[in-house]
Amino acid sequence: MTVTITLKGALLTIIAVVAIILLIYLIALIRKAITTLNKVNTVLDDAKVVSEVTADKAKKVDGIVDGISDSVGTVVNSIKGNQSIVAASSFAGIVKKPTNKHE
């Protein structure tokens, strides 16, 4: 019994073995990619929920800041308006001589 190995046959065998190894490697790579994509999808879903909550809180804080700004403006305007009355009454108190009611 004689077995002859030709160069062409050996080359085709090596190419077939390399193709099978590459196919196994691609299958493993695709499995890892699918697992990674599932994890990324979960993280993105969580990020979406967090962004919605953050946006909602930011809108509420913006409304509160606007309300505080209006309130502070009202108080400042009230103080500015009453400042002349307070200044006039304190000036009048300084100008008047203190009266001694006991005498």
PDB file of N, CA and C in Angstrom:
ATOM      1  N   MET A   1       0.834  -1.151   0.000  1.00  0.00           N
ATOM      2  CA  MET A   1       0.000   0.000   0.000  1.00  0.00           C
ATOM      3  C   MET A   1       0.894   1.234   0.000  1.00  0.00           C
ATOM      4  N   THR A   2       0.640   2.077  -0.922  1.00  0.00           N
ATOM      5  CA  THR A   2       1.456   3.252  -1.102  1.00  0.00           C
ATOM      6  C   THR A   2       0.570   4.493  -0.955  1.00  0.00           C
ATOM      7  N   VAL A   3       1.025   5.426  -0.162  1.00  0.00           N
ATOM      8  CA  VAL A   3       0.310   6.701   0.027  1.00  0.00           C
ATOM      9  C   VAL A   3       1.208   7.785  -0.532  1.00  0.00           C
ATOM     10  N   THR A   4       0.658   8.509  -1.448  1.00  0.00           N
ATOM     11  CA  THR A   4       1.411   9.614  -2.011  1.00  0.00           C
ATOM     12  C   THR A   4       0.785  10.926  -1.563  1.00  0.00           C
ATOM     13  N   ILE A   5       1.622  11.784  -1.124  1.00  0.00           N
ATOM     14  CA  ILE A   5       1.173  13.111  -0.695  1.00  0.00           C
ATOM     15  C   ILE A   5       1.734  14.096  -1.714  1.00  0.00           C
ATOM     16  N   THR A   6       0.807  14.777  -2.313  1.00  0.00           N
ATOM     17  CA  THR A   6       1.251  15.781  -3.274  1.00  0.00           C
ATOM     18  C   THR A   6       1.297  17.134  -2.577  1.00  0.00           C
ATOM     19  N   LEU A   7       2.024  17.996  -3.149  1.00  0.00           N
ATOM     20  CA  LEU A   7       2.130  19.354  -2.596  1.00  0.00           C
ATOM     21  C   LEU A   7       0.771  20.047  -2.635  1.00  0.00           C
ATOM     22  N   LYS A   8       0.031  19.851  -3.681  1.00  0.00           N
ATOM     23  CA  LYS A   8      -1.297  20.467  -3.814  1.00  0.00           C
ATOM     24  C   LYS A   8      -2.232  19.923  -2.738  1.00  0.00           C
ATOM     25  N   GLY A   9      -2.213  18.625  -2.475  1.00  0.00           N
ATOM     26  CA  GLY A   9      -3.066  18.015  -1.450  1.00  0.00           C
ATOM     27  C   GLY A   9      -2.713  18.498  -0.058  1.00  0.00           C
ATOM     28  N   ALA A  10      -1.432  18.617   0.239  1.00  0.00           N
ATOM     29  CA  ALA A  10      -0.984  19.103   1.554  1.00  0.00           C
ATOM     30  C   ALA A  10      -1.402  20.556   1.750  1.00  0.00           C
ATOM     31  N   LEU A  11      -1.257  21.356   0.725  1.00  0.00           N
ATOM     32  CA  LEU A  11      -1.651  22.769   0.799  1.00  0.00           C
ATOM     33  C   LEU A  11      -3.154  22.908   1.022  1.00  0.00           C
ATOM     34  N   LEU A  12      -3.946  22.111   0.315  1.00  0.00           N
ATOM     35  CA  LEU A  12      -5.403  22.159   0.517  1.00  0.00           C
ATOM     36  C   LEU A  12      -5.793  21.697   1.921  1.00  0.00           C
ATOM     37  N   THR A  13      -5.105  20.714   2.465  1.00  0.00           N
ATOM     38  CA  THR A  13      -5.380  20.250   3.828  1.00  0.00           C
ATOM     39  C   THR A  13      -5.053  21.337   4.844  1.00  0.00           C
ATOM     40  N   ILE A  14      -3.933  21.989   4.671  1.00  0.00           N
ATOM     41  CA  ILE A  14      -3.550  23.077   5.588  1.00  0.00           C
ATOM     42  C   ILE A  14      -4.561  24.216   5.499  1.00  0.00           C
ATOM     43  N   ILE A  15      -4.988  24.568   4.308  1.00  0.00           N
ATOM     44  CA  ILE A  15      -5.982  25.642   4.135  1.00  0.00           C
ATOM     45  C   ILE A  15      -7.304  25.244   4.794  1.00  0.00           C
ATOM     46  N   ALA A  16      -7.716  24.000   4.691  1.00  0.00           N
ATOM     47  CA  ALA A  16      -8.962  23.534   5.300  1.00  0.00           C
ATOM     48  C   ALA A  16      -8.883  23.594   6.820  1.00  0.00           C
ATOM     49  N   VAL A  17      -7.750  23.187   7.385  1.00  0.00           N
ATOM     50  CA  VAL A  17      -7.563  23.229   8.846  1.00  0.00           C
ATOM     51  C   VAL A  17      -7.582  24.673   9.332  1.00  0.00           C
ATOM     52  N   VAL A  18      -6.893  25.561   8.644  1.00  0.00           N
ATOM     53  CA  VAL A  18      -6.881  26.984   9.015  1.00  0.00           C
ATOM     54  C   VAL A  18      -8.287  27.571   8.910  1.00  0.00           C
ATOM     55  N   ALA A  19      -9.053  27.201   7.891  1.00  0.00           N
ATOM     56  CA  ALA A  19     -10.424  27.695   7.730  1.00  0.00           C
ATOM     57  C   ALA A  19     -11.305  27.224   8.882  1.00  0.00           C
ATOM     58  N   ILE A  20     -11.139  25.967   9.301  1.00  0.00           N
ATOM     59  CA  ILE A  20     -11.927  25.448  10.432  1.00  0.00           C
ATOM     60  C   ILE A  20     -11.556  26.185  11.714  1.00  0.00           C
ATOM     61  N   ILE A  21     -10.277  26.420  11.944  1.00  0.00           N
ATOM     62  CA  ILE A  21      -9.833  27.163  13.135  1.00  0.00           C
ATOM     63  C   ILE A  21     -10.388  28.585  13.104  1.00  0.00           C
ATOM     64  N   LEU A  22     -10.333  29.245  11.960  1.00  0.00           N
ATOM     65  CA  LEU A  22     -10.889  30.604  11.843  1.00  0.00           C
ATOM     66  C   LEU A  22     -12.399  30.617  12.074  1.00  0.00           C
ATOM     67  N   LEU A  23     -13.094  29.597  11.588  1.00  0.00           N
ATOM     68  CA  LEU A  23     -14.538  29.517  11.799  1.00  0.00           C
ATOM     69  C   LEU A  23     -14.867  29.367  13.284  1.00  0.00           C
ATOM     70  N   ILE A  24     -14.114  28.522  13.984  1.00  0.00           N
ATOM     71  CA  ILE A  24     -14.315  28.363  15.430  1.00  0.00           C
ATOM     72  C   ILE A  24     -14.014  29.679  16.155  1.00  0.00           C
ATOM     73  N   TYR A  25     -12.944  30.345  15.746  1.00  0.00           N
ATOM     74  CA  TYR A  25     -12.589  31.632  16.342  1.00  0.00           C
ATOM     75  C   TYR A  25     -13.689  32.670  16.097  1.00  0.00           C
ATOM     76  N   LEU A  26     -14.243  32.723  14.889  1.00  0.00           N
ATOM     77  CA  LEU A  26     -15.330  33.660  14.577  1.00  0.00           C
ATOM     78  C   LEU A  26     -16.580  33.372  15.406  1.00  0.00           C
ATOM     79  N   ILE A  27     -16.897  32.101  15.584  1.00  0.00           N
ATOM     80  CA  ILE A  27     -18.066  31.746  16.400  1.00  0.00           C
ATOM     81  C   ILE A  27     -17.872  32.219  17.835  1.00  0.00           C
ATOM     82  N   ALA A  28     -16.687  32.000  18.401  1.00  0.00           N
ATOM     83  CA  ALA A  28     -16.403  32.459  19.770  1.00  0.00           C
ATOM     84  C   ALA A  28     -16.457  33.981  19.846  1.00  0.00           C
ATOM     85  N   LEU A  29     -15.923  34.650  18.837  1.00  0.00           N
ATOM     86  CA  LEU A  29     -15.933  36.113  18.808  1.00  0.00           C
ATOM     87  C   LEU A  29     -17.361  36.657  18.733  1.00  0.00           C
ATOM     88  N   ILE A  30     -18.195  36.048  17.932  1.00  0.00           N
ATOM     89  CA  ILE A  30     -19.591  36.489  17.803  1.00  0.00           C
ATOM     90  C   ILE A  30     -20.340  36.266  19.114  1.00  0.00           C
ATOM     91  N   ARG A  31     -20.080  35.143  19.793  1.00  0.00           N
ATOM     92  CA  ARG A  31     -20.727  34.912  21.096  1.00  0.00           C
ATOM     93  C   ARG A  31     -20.355  36.005  22.096  1.00  0.00           C
ATOM     94  N   LYS A  32     -19.069  36.343  22.152  1.00  0.00           N
ATOM     95  CA  LYS A  32     -18.627  37.401  23.067  1.00  0.00           C
ATOM     96  C   LYS A  32     -19.227  38.748  22.668  1.00  0.00           C
ATOM     97  N   ALA A  33     -19.324  39.009  21.381  1.00  0.00           N
ATOM     98  CA  ALA A  33     -19.903  40.277  20.916  1.00  0.00           C
ATOM     99  C   ALA A  33     -21.381  40.368  21.300  1.00  0.00           C
ATOM    100  N   ILE A  34     -22.101  39.256  21.188  1.00  0.00           N
ATOM    101  CA  ILE A  34     -23.518  39.261  21.563  1.00  0.00           C
ATOM    102  C   ILE A  34     -23.666  39.522  23.057  1.00  0.00           C
ATOM    103  N   THR A  35     -22.833  38.881  23.877  1.00  0.00           N
ATOM    104  CA  THR A  35     -22.869  39.118  25.325  1.00  0.00           C
ATOM    105  C   THR A  35     -22.556  40.572  25.645  1.00  0.00           C
ATOM    106  N   THR A  36     -21.547  41.104  25.000  1.00  0.00           N
ATOM    107  CA  THR A  36     -21.166  42.499  25.220  1.00  0.00           C
ATOM    108  C   THR A  36     -22.279  43.448  24.795  1.00  0.00           C
ATOM    109  N   LEU A  37     -22.898  43.185  23.665  1.00  0.00           N
ATOM    110  CA  LEU A  37     -23.989  44.046  23.196  1.00  0.00           C
ATOM    111  C   LEU A  37     -25.187  43.998  24.139  1.00  0.00           C
ATOM    112  N   ASN A  38     -25.469  42.841  24.715  1.00  0.00           N
ATOM    113  CA  ASN A  38     -26.558  42.754  25.691  1.00  0.00           C
ATOM    114  C   ASN A  38     -26.249  43.584  26.933  1.00  0.00           C
ATOM    115  N   LYS A  39     -25.004  43.537  27.390  1.00  0.00           N
ATOM    116  CA  LYS A  39     -24.615  44.349  28.549  1.00  0.00           C
ATOM    117  C   LYS A  39     -24.680  45.837  28.221  1.00  0.00           C
ATOM    118  N   VAL A  40     -24.219  46.208  27.030  1.00  0.00           N
ATOM    119  CA  VAL A  40     -24.269  47.613  26.607  1.00  0.00           C
ATOM    120  C   VAL A  40     -25.724  48.087  26.524  1.00  0.00           C
ATOM    121  N   ASN A  41     -26.598  47.243  26.022  1.00  0.00           N
ATOM    122  CA  ASN A  41     -28.010  47.587  25.934  1.00  0.00           C
ATOM    123  C   ASN A  41     -28.598  47.828  27.323  1.00  0.00           C
ATOM    124  N   THR A  42     -28.233  46.988  28.292  1.00  0.00           N
ATOM    125  CA  THR A  42     -28.703  47.169  29.666  1.00  0.00           C
ATOM    126  C   THR A  42     -28.198  48.484  30.245  1.00  0.00           C
ATOM    127  N   VAL A  43     -26.929  48.782  30.011  1.00  0.00           N
ATOM    128  CA  VAL A  43     -26.353  50.032  30.519  1.00  0.00           C
ATOM    129  C   VAL A  43     -27.030  51.238  29.870  1.00  0.00           C
ATOM    130  N   LEU A  44     -27.288  51.168  28.589  1.00  0.00           N
ATOM    131  CA  LEU A  44     -27.955  52.282  27.903  1.00  0.00           C
ATOM    132  C   LEU A  44     -29.382  52.471  28.390  1.00  0.00           C
ATOM    133  N   ASP A  45     -30.078  51.373  28.699  1.00  0.00           N
ATOM    134  CA  ASP A  45     -31.425  51.489  29.257  1.00  0.00           C
ATOM    135  C   ASP A  45     -31.383  52.180  30.613  1.00  0.00           C
ATOM    136  N   ASP A  46     -30.410  51.798  31.443  1.00  0.00           N
ATOM    137  CA  ASP A  46     -30.253  52.454  32.745  1.00  0.00           C
ATOM    138  C   ASP A  46     -29.908  53.934  32.578  1.00  0.00           C
ATOM    139  N   ALA A  47     -29.031  54.224  31.630  1.00  0.00           N
ATOM    140  CA  ALA A  47     -28.648  55.622  31.385  1.00  0.00           C
ATOM    141  C   ALA A  47     -29.846  56.440  30.920  1.00  0.00           C
ATOM    142  N   LYS A  48     -30.720  55.827  30.137  1.00  0.00           N
ATOM    143  CA  LYS A  48     -31.920  56.531  29.669  1.00  0.00           C
ATOM    144  C   LYS A  48     -32.817  56.881  30.843  1.00  0.00           C
ATOM    145  N   VAL A  49     -32.994  55.935  31.764  1.00  0.00           N
ATOM    146  CA  VAL A  49     -33.829  56.188  32.948  1.00  0.00           C
ATOM    147  C   VAL A  49     -33.215  57.295  33.799  1.00  0.00           C
ATOM    148  N   VAL A  50     -31.899  57.217  34.007  1.00  0.00           N
ATOM    149  CA  VAL A  50     -31.216  58.234  34.816  1.00  0.00           C
ATOM    150  C   VAL A  50     -31.315  59.601  34.154  1.00  0.00           C
ATOM    151  N   SER A  51     -31.165  59.666  32.822  1.00  0.00           N
ATOM    152  CA  SER A  51     -31.269  60.965  32.145  1.00  0.00           C
ATOM    153  C   SER A  51     -32.666  61.547  32.250  1.00  0.00           C
ATOM    154  N   GLU A  52     -33.690  60.697  32.172  1.00  0.00           N
ATOM    155  CA  GLU A  52     -35.063  61.192  32.304  1.00  0.00           C
ATOM    156  C   GLU A  52     -35.299  61.750  33.701  1.00  0.00           C
ATOM    157  N   VAL A  53     -34.818  61.031  34.722  1.00  0.00           N
ATOM    158  CA  VAL A  53     -34.977  61.510  36.099  1.00  0.00           C
ATOM    159  C   VAL A  53     -34.216  62.812  36.292  1.00  0.00           C
ATOM    160  N   THR A  54     -32.998  62.874  35.762  1.00  0.00           N
ATOM    161  CA  THR A  54     -32.184  64.084  35.889  1.00  0.00           C
ATOM    162  C   THR A  54     -32.838  65.268  35.183  1.00  0.00           C
ATOM    163  N   ALA A  55     -33.380  65.037  34.016  1.00  0.00           N
ATOM    164  CA  ALA A  55     -34.049  66.121  33.281  1.00  0.00           C
ATOM    165  C   ALA A  55     -35.268  66.607  34.050  1.00  0.00           C
ATOM    166  N   ASP A  56     -36.017  65.685  34.632  1.00  0.00           N
ATOM    167  CA  ASP A  56     -37.204  66.058  35.410  1.00  0.00           C
ATOM    168  C   ASP A  56     -36.805  66.895  36.624  1.00  0.00           C
ATOM    169  N   LYS A  57     -35.769  66.447  37.327  1.00  0.00           N
ATOM    170  CA  LYS A  57     -35.305  67.196  38.510  1.00  0.00           C
ATOM    171  C   LYS A  57     -34.763  68.561  38.103  1.00  0.00           C
ATOM    172  N   ALA A  58     -34.068  68.630  36.980  1.00  0.00           N
ATOM    173  CA  ALA A  58     -33.529  69.914  36.521  1.00  0.00           C
ATOM    174  C   ALA A  58     -34.652  70.899  36.211  1.00  0.00           C
ATOM    175  N   LYS A  59     -35.743  70.401  35.626  1.00  0.00           N
ATOM    176  CA  LYS A  59     -36.887  71.280  35.342  1.00  0.00           C
ATOM    177  C   LYS A  59     -37.514  71.779  36.639  1.00  0.00           C
ATOM    178  N   LYS A  60     -37.626  70.885  37.634  1.00  0.00           N
ATOM    179  CA  LYS A  60     -38.194  71.297  38.919  1.00  0.00           C
ATOM    180  C   LYS A  60     -37.307  72.325  39.598  1.00  0.00           C
ATOM    181  N   VAL A  61     -35.991  72.091  39.585  1.00  0.00           N
ATOM    182  CA  VAL A  61     -35.060  73.035  40.204  1.00  0.00           C
ATOM    183  C   VAL A  61     -35.100  74.365  39.476  1.00  0.00           C
ATOM    184  N   ASP A  62     -35.219  74.332  38.163  1.00  0.00           N
ATOM    185  CA  ASP A  62     -35.294  75.568  37.393  1.00  0.00           C
ATOM    186  C   ASP A  62     -36.523  76.377  37.805  1.00  0.00           C
ATOM    187  N   GLY A  63     -37.658  75.688  37.994  1.00  0.00           N
ATOM    188  CA  GLY A  63     -38.867  76.374  38.446  1.00  0.00           C
ATOM    189  C   GLY A  63     -38.694  76.968  39.830  1.00  0.00           C
ATOM    190  N   ILE A  64     -38.027  76.227  40.713  1.00  0.00           N
ATOM    191  CA  ILE A  64     -37.798  76.718  42.074  1.00  0.00           C
ATOM    192  C   ILE A  64     -36.882  77.934  42.050  1.00  0.00           C
ATOM    193  N   VAL A  65     -35.825  77.861  41.238  1.00  0.00           N
ATOM    194  CA  VAL A  65     -34.888  78.991  41.145  1.00  0.00           C
ATOM    195  C   VAL A  65     -35.598  80.222  40.597  1.00  0.00           C
ATOM    196  N   ASP A  66     -36.465  80.047  39.611  1.00  0.00           N
ATOM    197  CA  ASP A  66     -37.221  81.185  39.089  1.00  0.00           C
ATOM    198  C   ASP A  66     -38.095  81.797  40.180  1.00  0.00           C
ATOM    199  N   GLY A  67     -38.750  80.936  40.967  1.00  0.00           N
ATOM    200  CA  GLY A  67     -39.597  81.432  42.058  1.00  0.00           C
ATOM    201  C   GLY A  67     -38.788  82.174  43.100  1.00  0.00           C
ATOM    202  N   ILE A  68     -37.624  81.643  43.448  1.00  0.00           N
ATOM    203  CA  ILE A  68     -36.768  82.307  44.438  1.00  0.00           C
ATOM    204  C   ILE A  68     -36.274  83.636  43.893  1.00  0.00           C
ATOM    205  N   SER A  69     -35.918  83.660  42.616  1.00  0.00           N
ATOM    206  CA  SER A  69     -35.444  84.899  42.004  1.00  0.00           C
ATOM    207  C   SER A  69     -36.526  85.979  42.054  1.00  0.00           C
ATOM    208  N   ASP A  70     -37.758  85.599  41.741  1.00  0.00           N
ATOM    209  CA  ASP A  70     -38.858  86.568  41.807  1.00  0.00           C
ATOM    210  C   ASP A  70     -39.082  87.050  43.237  1.00  0.00           C
ATOM    211  N   SER A  71     -39.011  86.120  44.201  1.00  0.00           N
ATOM    212  CA  SER A  71     -39.216  86.485  45.605  1.00  0.00           C
ATOM    213  C   SER A  71     -38.133  87.429  46.091  1.00  0.00           C
ATOM    214  N   VAL A  72     -36.894  87.128  45.748  1.00  0.00           N
ATOM    215  CA  VAL A  72     -35.785  87.991  46.169  1.00  0.00           C
ATOM    216  C   VAL A  72     -35.929  89.365  45.520  1.00  0.00           C
ATOM    217  N   GLY A  73     -36.309  89.398  44.262  1.00  0.00           N
ATOM    218  CA  GLY A  73     -36.516  90.684  43.593  1.00  0.00           C
ATOM    219  C   GLY A  73     -37.605  91.506  44.272  1.00  0.00           C
ATOM    220  N   THR A  74     -38.687  90.842  44.669  1.00  0.00           N
ATOM    221  CA  THR A  74     -39.774  91.534  45.373  1.00  0.00           C
ATOM    222  C   THR A  74     -39.294  92.078  46.708  1.00  0.00           C
ATOM    223  N   VAL A  75     -38.537  91.272  47.450  1.00  0.00           N
ATOM    224  CA  VAL A  75     -38.024  91.717  48.756  1.00  0.00           C
ATOM    225  C   VAL A  75     -37.068  92.891  48.581  1.00  0.00           C
ATOM    226  N   VAL A  76     -36.192  92.801  47.583  1.00  0.00           N
ATOM    227  CA  VAL A  76     -35.240  93.896  47.350  1.00  0.00           C
ATOM    228  C   VAL A  76     -35.982  95.172  46.984  1.00  0.00           C
ATOM    229  N   ASN A  77     -36.972  95.061  46.123  1.00  0.00           N
ATOM    230  CA  ASN A  77     -37.745  96.256  45.750  1.00  0.00           C
ATOM    231  C   ASN A  77     -38.493  96.816  46.947  1.00  0.00           C
ATOM    232  N   SER A  78     -39.019  95.935  47.792  1.00  0.00           N
ATOM    233  CA  SER A  78     -39.705  96.404  48.998  1.00  0.00           C
ATOM    234  C   SER A  78     -38.745  97.116  49.929  1.00  0.00           C
ATOM    235  N   ILE A  79     -37.562  96.564  50.085  1.00  0.00           N
ATOM    236  CA  ILE A  79     -36.565  97.198  50.958  1.00  0.00           C
ATOM    237  C   ILE A  79     -36.147  98.537  50.377  1.00  0.00           C
ATOM    238  N   LYS A  80     -35.963  98.617  49.074  1.00  0.00           N
ATOM    239  CA  LYS A  80     -35.589  99.890  48.450  1.00  0.00           C
ATOM    240  C   LYS A  80     -36.694 100.921  48.620  1.00  0.00           C
ATOM    241  N   GLY A  81     -37.939 100.492  48.497  1.00  0.00           N
ATOM    242  CA  GLY A  81     -39.061 101.415  48.657  1.00  0.00           C
ATOM    243  C   GLY A  81     -39.224 101.869  50.086  1.00  0.00           C
ATOM    244  N   ASN A  82     -38.992 101.001  51.034  1.00  0.00           N
ATOM    245  CA  ASN A  82     -39.153 101.340  52.444  1.00  0.00           C
ATOM    246  C   ASN A  82     -37.910 102.009  53.011  1.00  0.00           C
ATOM    247  N   GLN A  83     -36.829 101.975  52.294  1.00  0.00           N
ATOM    248  CA  GLN A  83     -35.585 102.549  52.784  1.00  0.00           C
ATOM    249  C   GLN A  83     -35.724 104.048  52.990  1.00  0.00           C
ATOM    250  N   SER A  84     -36.418 104.709  52.100  1.00  0.00           N
ATOM    251  CA  SER A  84     -36.569 106.160  52.253  1.00  0.00           C
ATOM    252  C   SER A  84     -37.421 106.477  53.482  1.00  0.00           C
ATOM    253  N   ILE A  85     -38.434 105.653  53.755  1.00  0.00           N
ATOM    254  CA  ILE A  85     -39.274 105.876  54.941  1.00  0.00           C
ATOM    255  C   ILE A  85     -38.461 105.648  56.205  1.00  0.00           C
ATOM    256  N   VAL A  86     -37.673 104.571  56.214  1.00  0.00           N
ATOM    257  CA  VAL A  86     -36.843 104.265  57.389  1.00  0.00           C
ATOM    258  C   VAL A  86     -35.795 105.347  57.587  1.00  0.00           C
ATOM    259  N   ALA A  87     -35.169 105.781  56.507  1.00  0.00           N
ATOM    260  CA  ALA A  87     -34.138 106.822  56.610  1.00  0.00           C
ATOM    261  C   ALA A  87     -34.753 108.129  57.111  1.00  0.00           C
ATOM    262  N   ALA A  88     -35.926 108.475  56.628  1.00  0.00           N
ATOM    263  CA  ALA A  88     -36.571 109.722  57.044  1.00  0.00           C
ATOM    264  C   ALA A  88     -36.945 109.659  58.517  1.00  0.00           C
ATOM    265  N   SER A  89     -37.473 108.522  58.970  1.00  0.00           N
ATOM    266  CA  SER A  89     -37.880 108.439  60.372  1.00  0.00           C
ATOM    267  C   SER A  89     -36.664 108.437  61.296  1.00  0.00           C
ATOM    268  N   SER A  90     -35.573 107.801  60.892  1.00  0.00           N
ATOM    269  CA  SER A  90     -34.380 107.806  61.748  1.00  0.00           C
ATOM    270  C   SER A  90     -33.740 109.191  61.738  1.00  0.00           C
ATOM    271  N   PHE A  91     -33.775 109.891  60.596  1.00  0.00           N
ATOM    272  CA  PHE A  91     -33.244 111.248  60.541  1.00  0.00           C
ATOM    273  C   PHE A  91     -34.083 112.168  61.424  1.00  0.00           C
ATOM    274  N   ALA A  92     -35.397 111.973  61.384  1.00  0.00           N
ATOM    275  CA  ALA A  92     -36.270 112.796  62.225  1.00  0.00           C
ATOM    276  C   ALA A  92     -35.992 112.513  63.696  1.00  0.00           C
ATOM    277  N   GLY A  93     -35.690 111.275  64.036  1.00  0.00           N
ATOM    278  CA  GLY A  93     -35.367 110.934  65.425  1.00  0.00           C
ATOM    279  C   GLY A  93     -34.060 111.558  65.863  1.00  0.00           C
ATOM    280  N   ILE A  94     -33.136 111.703  64.963  1.00  0.00           N
ATOM    281  CA  ILE A  94     -31.853 112.316  65.314  1.00  0.00           C
ATOM    282  C   ILE A  94     -32.019 113.822  65.482  1.00  0.00           C
ATOM    283  N   VAL A  95     -32.807 114.439  64.609  1.00  0.00           N
ATOM    284  CA  VAL A  95     -32.978 115.888  64.636  1.00  0.00           C
ATOM    285  C   VAL A  95     -33.781 116.319  65.861  1.00  0.00           C
ATOM    286  N   LYS A  96     -34.797 115.584  66.225  1.00  0.00           N
ATOM    287  CA  LYS A  96     -35.614 115.945  67.389  1.00  0.00           C
ATOM    288  C   LYS A  96     -34.792 115.808  68.654  1.00  0.00           C
ATOM    289  N   LYS A  97     -35.045 116.726  69.528  1.00  0.00           N
ATOM    290  CA  LYS A  97     -34.361 116.630  70.808  1.00  0.00           C
ATOM    291  C   LYS A  97     -35.148 115.659  71.660  1.00  0.00           C
ATOM    292  N   PRO A  98     -34.457 114.846  72.379  1.00  0.00           N
ATOM    293  CA  PRO A  98     -35.184 113.920  73.240  1.00  0.00           C
ATOM    294  C   PRO A  98     -35.923 114.699  74.322  1.00  0.00           C
ATOM    295  N   THR A  99     -37.149 114.330  74.514  1.00  0.00           N
ATOM    296  CA  THR A  99     -37.960 114.984  75.550  1.00  0.00           C
ATOM    297  C   THR A  99     -37.949 114.094  76.773  1.00  0.00           C
ATOM    298  N   ASN A 100     -37.813 114.741  77.878  1.00  0.00           N
ATOM    299  CA  ASN A 100     -37.796 114.018  79.127  1.00  0.00           C
ATOM    300  C   ASN A 100     -39.198 114.071  79.715  1.00  0.00           C
ATOM    301  N   LYS A 101     -39.900 113.027  79.724  1.00  0.00           N
ATOM    302  CA  LYS A 101     -41.286 112.987  80.174  1.00  0.00           C
ATOM    303  C   LYS A 101     -41.383 113.014  81.697  1.00  0.00           C
ATOM    304  N   HIS A 102     -40.337 112.711  82.417  1.00  0.00           N
ATOM    305  CA  HIS A 102     -40.388 112.660  83.878  1.00  0.00           C
ATOM    306  C   HIS A 102     -40.288 114.035  84.488  1.00  0.00           C
ATOM    307  N   GLU A 103     -39.867 115.031  83.816  1.00  0.00           N
ATOM    308  CA  GLU A 103     -39.682 116.347  84.422  1.00  0.00           C
ATOM    309  C   GLU A 103     -40.905 117.162  84.375  1.00  0.00           C
TER     310      GLU A 103
END
